[in-house]
């Protein structure tokens, strides 16, 4: 039993680290996509003389791309987590 406690703790620590990295990745992706949309929108508005029109359009249009990217990041991390846990389950059965 004593040997299982460190494994559980290390597993919990790994889960916390993984969740923190997923959150950081999602946040960075959101900031990059929204920042790029904002910058491009401001440049287009400055060229065309249309106050916030293109900025708002591009920032709002960037939301689905950001959500899709976050979905892909989370899906990839969950797949890796399942693959890491699957061999340990097989080892315990033997």
N, C-alpha and C. Protein backbone atom coordinates (compact mmCIF):
# COMPACT_ATOMS: atom_id res chain seq x y z
N UNK A 1 0.81 -1.19 0.00
CA UNK A 1 0.00 0.00 0.00
C UNK A 1 0.85 1.25 0.00
N UNK A 2 1.99 1.20 0.71
CA UNK A 2 2.84 2.39 0.76
C UNK A 2 3.39 2.74 -0.61
N UNK A 3 3.60 1.73 -1.44
CA UNK A 3 4.14 1.99 -2.77
C UNK A 3 3.11 2.63 -3.68
N UNK A 4 1.84 2.38 -3.43
CA UNK A 4 0.80 2.95 -4.28
C UNK A 4 0.57 4.43 -4.00
N UNK A 5 0.79 4.86 -2.78
CA UNK A 5 0.56 6.27 -2.46
C UNK A 5 1.46 7.20 -3.26
N UNK A 6 2.78 6.95 -3.36
CA UNK A 6 3.60 7.84 -4.19
C UNK A 6 3.18 7.81 -5.66
N UNK A 7 2.74 6.65 -6.14
CA UNK A 7 2.28 6.58 -7.53
C UNK A 7 1.04 7.43 -7.72
N UNK A 8 0.15 7.38 -6.76
CA UNK A 8 -1.07 8.19 -6.85
C UNK A 8 -0.71 9.66 -6.79
N UNK A 9 0.21 10.02 -5.89
CA UNK A 9 0.61 11.41 -5.78
C UNK A 9 1.30 11.88 -7.05
N UNK A 10 2.20 11.05 -7.59
CA UNK A 10 2.89 11.46 -8.81
C UNK A 10 1.91 11.53 -9.98
N UNK A 11 0.93 10.64 -9.98
CA UNK A 11 -0.10 10.68 -11.02
C UNK A 11 -0.93 11.96 -10.89
N UNK A 12 -1.27 12.32 -9.68
CA UNK A 12 -2.04 13.54 -9.46
C UNK A 12 -1.22 14.77 -9.85
N UNK A 13 0.06 14.75 -9.52
CA UNK A 13 0.93 15.87 -9.88
C UNK A 13 1.04 15.97 -11.40
N UNK A 14 1.16 14.84 -12.06
CA UNK A 14 1.24 14.85 -13.53
C UNK A 14 -0.06 15.38 -14.13
N UNK A 15 -1.19 15.01 -13.56
CA UNK A 15 -2.48 15.52 -14.05
C UNK A 15 -2.59 17.03 -13.87
N UNK A 16 -2.12 17.52 -12.73
CA UNK A 16 -2.15 18.97 -12.49
C UNK A 16 -1.25 19.69 -13.49
N UNK A 17 -0.06 19.13 -13.71
CA UNK A 17 0.87 19.74 -14.68
C UNK A 17 0.26 19.73 -16.08
N UNK A 18 -0.32 18.61 -16.45
CA UNK A 18 -0.94 18.50 -17.78
C UNK A 18 -2.07 19.51 -17.94
N UNK A 19 -2.90 19.63 -16.91
CA UNK A 19 -4.01 20.58 -16.98
C UNK A 19 -3.51 22.02 -17.05
N UNK A 20 -2.45 22.32 -16.32
CA UNK A 20 -1.89 23.67 -16.37
C UNK A 20 -1.33 23.97 -17.75
N UNK A 21 -0.66 23.00 -18.35
CA UNK A 21 -0.11 23.21 -19.69
C UNK A 21 -1.21 23.36 -20.73
N UNK A 22 -2.28 22.60 -20.59
CA UNK A 22 -3.40 22.73 -21.52
C UNK A 22 -4.02 24.11 -21.39
N UNK A 23 -4.20 24.56 -20.16
CA UNK A 23 -4.77 25.89 -19.95
C UNK A 23 -3.87 26.98 -20.52
N UNK A 24 -2.57 26.84 -20.30
CA UNK A 24 -1.62 27.82 -20.83
C UNK A 24 -1.62 27.81 -22.35
N UNK A 25 -1.66 26.63 -22.94
CA UNK A 25 -1.69 26.53 -24.40
C UNK A 25 -2.96 27.16 -24.97
N UNK A 26 -4.07 26.87 -24.35
CA UNK A 26 -5.34 27.45 -24.81
C UNK A 26 -5.33 28.96 -24.66
N UNK A 27 -4.81 29.45 -23.56
CA UNK A 27 -4.74 30.89 -23.36
C UNK A 27 -3.83 31.58 -24.35
N UNK A 28 -2.67 30.97 -24.60
CA UNK A 28 -1.74 31.55 -25.59
C UNK A 28 -2.35 31.54 -26.98
N UNK A 29 -2.99 30.45 -27.34
CA UNK A 29 -3.63 30.39 -28.66
C UNK A 29 -4.69 31.47 -28.79
N UNK A 30 -5.49 31.64 -27.76
CA UNK A 30 -6.54 32.65 -27.78
C UNK A 30 -5.94 34.05 -27.94
N UNK A 31 -4.90 34.33 -27.18
CA UNK A 31 -4.29 35.66 -27.25
C UNK A 31 -3.64 35.91 -28.61
N UNK A 32 -2.99 34.90 -29.18
CA UNK A 32 -2.33 35.07 -30.47
C UNK A 32 -3.36 35.30 -31.58
N UNK A 33 -4.39 34.47 -31.61
CA UNK A 33 -5.41 34.60 -32.66
C UNK A 33 -6.17 35.92 -32.52
N UNK A 34 -6.59 36.25 -31.30
CA UNK A 34 -7.32 37.50 -31.10
C UNK A 34 -6.42 38.71 -31.36
N UNK A 35 -5.17 38.63 -30.95
CA UNK A 35 -4.24 39.72 -31.21
C UNK A 35 -3.98 39.93 -32.69
N UNK A 36 -3.82 38.82 -33.42
CA UNK A 36 -3.62 38.93 -34.86
C UNK A 36 -4.85 39.51 -35.54
N UNK A 37 -6.03 39.07 -35.13
CA UNK A 37 -7.27 39.60 -35.70
C UNK A 37 -7.41 41.09 -35.39
N UNK A 38 -7.07 41.47 -34.19
CA UNK A 38 -7.14 42.88 -33.80
C UNK A 38 -6.16 43.73 -34.61
N UNK A 39 -4.94 43.26 -34.73
CA UNK A 39 -3.92 44.00 -35.48
C UNK A 39 -4.30 44.15 -36.95
N UNK A 40 -4.70 43.06 -37.57
CA UNK A 40 -5.09 43.11 -38.98
C UNK A 40 -6.33 43.99 -39.16
N UNK A 41 -7.28 43.87 -38.25
CA UNK A 41 -8.48 44.70 -38.32
C UNK A 41 -8.16 46.19 -38.20
N UNK A 42 -7.27 46.53 -37.28
CA UNK A 42 -6.88 47.93 -37.13
C UNK A 42 -6.15 48.45 -38.37
N UNK A 43 -5.30 47.60 -38.95
CA UNK A 43 -4.59 48.02 -40.17
C UNK A 43 -5.56 48.23 -41.33
N UNK A 44 -6.49 47.32 -41.50
CA UNK A 44 -7.48 47.47 -42.58
C UNK A 44 -8.34 48.71 -42.35
N UNK A 45 -8.77 48.91 -41.10
CA UNK A 45 -9.58 50.09 -40.80
C UNK A 45 -8.81 51.39 -41.04
N UNK A 46 -7.52 51.39 -40.73
CA UNK A 46 -6.72 52.60 -40.95
C UNK A 46 -6.57 52.88 -42.45
N UNK A 47 -6.41 51.84 -43.24
CA UNK A 47 -6.27 52.02 -44.70
C UNK A 47 -7.57 52.47 -45.35
N UNK A 48 -8.66 51.86 -44.93
CA UNK A 48 -9.94 52.15 -45.58
C UNK A 48 -10.70 53.31 -44.93
N UNK A 49 -10.28 53.70 -43.74
CA UNK A 49 -10.97 54.78 -43.05
C UNK A 49 -12.31 54.37 -42.44
N UNK A 50 -12.48 53.09 -42.24
CA UNK A 50 -13.70 52.59 -41.60
C UNK A 50 -13.38 52.33 -40.13
N UNK A 51 -13.94 53.15 -39.25
CA UNK A 51 -13.54 53.15 -37.84
C UNK A 51 -13.38 51.76 -37.23
N UNK A 52 -14.34 51.19 -36.56
CA UNK A 52 -14.09 49.88 -35.95
C UNK A 52 -14.69 48.72 -36.72
N UNK A 53 -15.12 48.96 -37.95
CA UNK A 53 -15.88 47.94 -38.68
C UNK A 53 -15.08 46.64 -38.85
N UNK A 54 -13.94 46.68 -39.52
CA UNK A 54 -13.18 45.47 -39.81
C UNK A 54 -12.54 44.88 -38.56
N UNK A 55 -12.20 45.73 -37.62
CA UNK A 55 -11.63 45.22 -36.37
C UNK A 55 -12.65 44.34 -35.66
N UNK A 56 -13.87 44.83 -35.54
CA UNK A 56 -14.92 44.04 -34.88
C UNK A 56 -15.23 42.76 -35.65
N UNK A 57 -15.32 42.88 -36.97
CA UNK A 57 -15.62 41.70 -37.79
C UNK A 57 -14.56 40.63 -37.60
N UNK A 58 -13.29 41.02 -37.67
CA UNK A 58 -12.22 40.03 -37.57
C UNK A 58 -12.09 39.46 -36.17
N UNK A 59 -12.27 40.28 -35.15
CA UNK A 59 -12.17 39.76 -33.78
C UNK A 59 -13.31 38.77 -33.51
N UNK A 60 -14.51 39.10 -33.94
CA UNK A 60 -15.65 38.19 -33.75
C UNK A 60 -15.48 36.93 -34.60
N UNK A 61 -14.98 37.09 -35.82
CA UNK A 61 -14.79 35.93 -36.70
C UNK A 61 -13.66 35.03 -36.22
N UNK A 62 -12.75 35.55 -35.41
CA UNK A 62 -11.64 34.72 -34.92
C UNK A 62 -12.08 33.76 -33.82
N UNK A 63 -13.22 34.01 -33.20
CA UNK A 63 -13.69 33.17 -32.09
C UNK A 63 -13.87 31.70 -32.48
N UNK A 64 -14.52 31.38 -33.61
CA UNK A 64 -14.66 29.96 -33.96
C UNK A 64 -13.31 29.28 -34.21
N UNK A 65 -12.36 30.01 -34.79
CA UNK A 65 -11.04 29.42 -35.02
C UNK A 65 -10.33 29.14 -33.69
N UNK A 66 -10.48 30.06 -32.76
CA UNK A 66 -9.89 29.86 -31.44
C UNK A 66 -10.53 28.67 -30.74
N UNK A 67 -11.85 28.59 -30.77
CA UNK A 67 -12.53 27.45 -30.14
C UNK A 67 -12.14 26.13 -30.78
N UNK A 68 -12.02 26.13 -32.10
CA UNK A 68 -11.58 24.92 -32.80
C UNK A 68 -10.17 24.52 -32.41
N UNK A 69 -9.29 25.50 -32.29
CA UNK A 69 -7.92 25.22 -31.87
C UNK A 69 -7.84 24.68 -30.46
N UNK A 70 -8.61 25.27 -29.56
CA UNK A 70 -8.64 24.79 -28.18
C UNK A 70 -9.20 23.37 -28.13
N UNK A 71 -10.22 23.10 -28.91
CA UNK A 71 -10.78 21.74 -28.98
C UNK A 71 -9.72 20.74 -29.43
N UNK A 72 -8.96 21.09 -30.46
CA UNK A 72 -7.92 20.18 -30.95
C UNK A 72 -6.82 19.97 -29.91
N UNK A 73 -6.44 21.02 -29.21
CA UNK A 73 -5.42 20.89 -28.16
C UNK A 73 -5.90 19.95 -27.07
N UNK A 74 -7.12 20.15 -26.60
CA UNK A 74 -7.66 19.32 -25.51
C UNK A 74 -7.82 17.88 -25.97
N UNK A 75 -8.29 17.68 -27.18
CA UNK A 75 -8.47 16.33 -27.70
C UNK A 75 -7.14 15.59 -27.78
N UNK A 76 -6.09 16.28 -28.24
CA UNK A 76 -4.77 15.66 -28.34
C UNK A 76 -4.23 15.29 -26.96
N UNK A 77 -4.40 16.18 -25.98
CA UNK A 77 -3.91 15.91 -24.64
C UNK A 77 -4.67 14.75 -24.00
N UNK A 78 -5.98 14.70 -24.19
CA UNK A 78 -6.76 13.60 -23.64
C UNK A 78 -6.37 12.26 -24.27
N UNK A 79 -6.10 12.27 -25.57
CA UNK A 79 -5.67 11.04 -26.24
C UNK A 79 -4.34 10.56 -25.67
N UNK A 80 -3.40 11.48 -25.46
CA UNK A 80 -2.10 11.11 -24.89
C UNK A 80 -2.26 10.59 -23.46
N UNK A 81 -3.15 11.21 -22.69
CA UNK A 81 -3.37 10.77 -21.32
C UNK A 81 -3.93 9.36 -21.29
N UNK A 82 -4.85 9.06 -22.19
CA UNK A 82 -5.41 7.70 -22.25
C UNK A 82 -4.35 6.69 -22.65
N UNK A 83 -3.49 7.07 -23.60
CA UNK A 83 -2.43 6.16 -24.04
C UNK A 83 -1.43 5.90 -22.92
N UNK A 84 -1.15 6.91 -22.09
CA UNK A 84 -0.23 6.73 -20.97
C UNK A 84 -0.84 5.84 -19.90
N UNK A 85 -2.14 5.94 -19.68
CA UNK A 85 -2.79 5.16 -18.64
C UNK A 85 -3.07 3.73 -19.09
N UNK A 86 -3.24 3.51 -20.36
CA UNK A 86 -3.57 2.17 -20.85
C UNK A 86 -2.47 1.15 -20.56
N UNK A 87 -1.18 1.42 -20.79
CA UNK A 87 -0.16 0.42 -20.47
C UNK A 87 -0.08 0.11 -18.98
N UNK A 88 -0.30 1.09 -18.11
CA UNK A 88 -0.23 0.84 -16.68
C UNK A 88 -1.36 -0.09 -16.23
N UNK A 89 -2.51 -0.01 -16.86
CA UNK A 89 -3.62 -0.91 -16.54
C UNK A 89 -3.26 -2.33 -16.96
N UNK A 90 -2.65 -2.49 -18.13
CA UNK A 90 -2.25 -3.81 -18.59
C UNK A 90 -1.17 -4.41 -17.70
N UNK A 91 -0.24 -3.60 -17.20
CA UNK A 91 0.82 -4.10 -16.33
C UNK A 91 0.26 -4.59 -15.00
N UNK A 92 -0.76 -3.92 -14.48
CA UNK A 92 -1.34 -4.32 -13.20
C UNK A 92 -2.08 -5.65 -13.32
N UNK A 93 -2.62 -5.95 -14.49
CA UNK A 93 -3.36 -7.19 -14.67
C UNK A 93 -2.42 -8.39 -14.71
N UNK A 94 -1.19 -8.19 -15.17
CA UNK A 94 -0.24 -9.31 -15.28
C UNK A 94 0.31 -9.72 -13.98
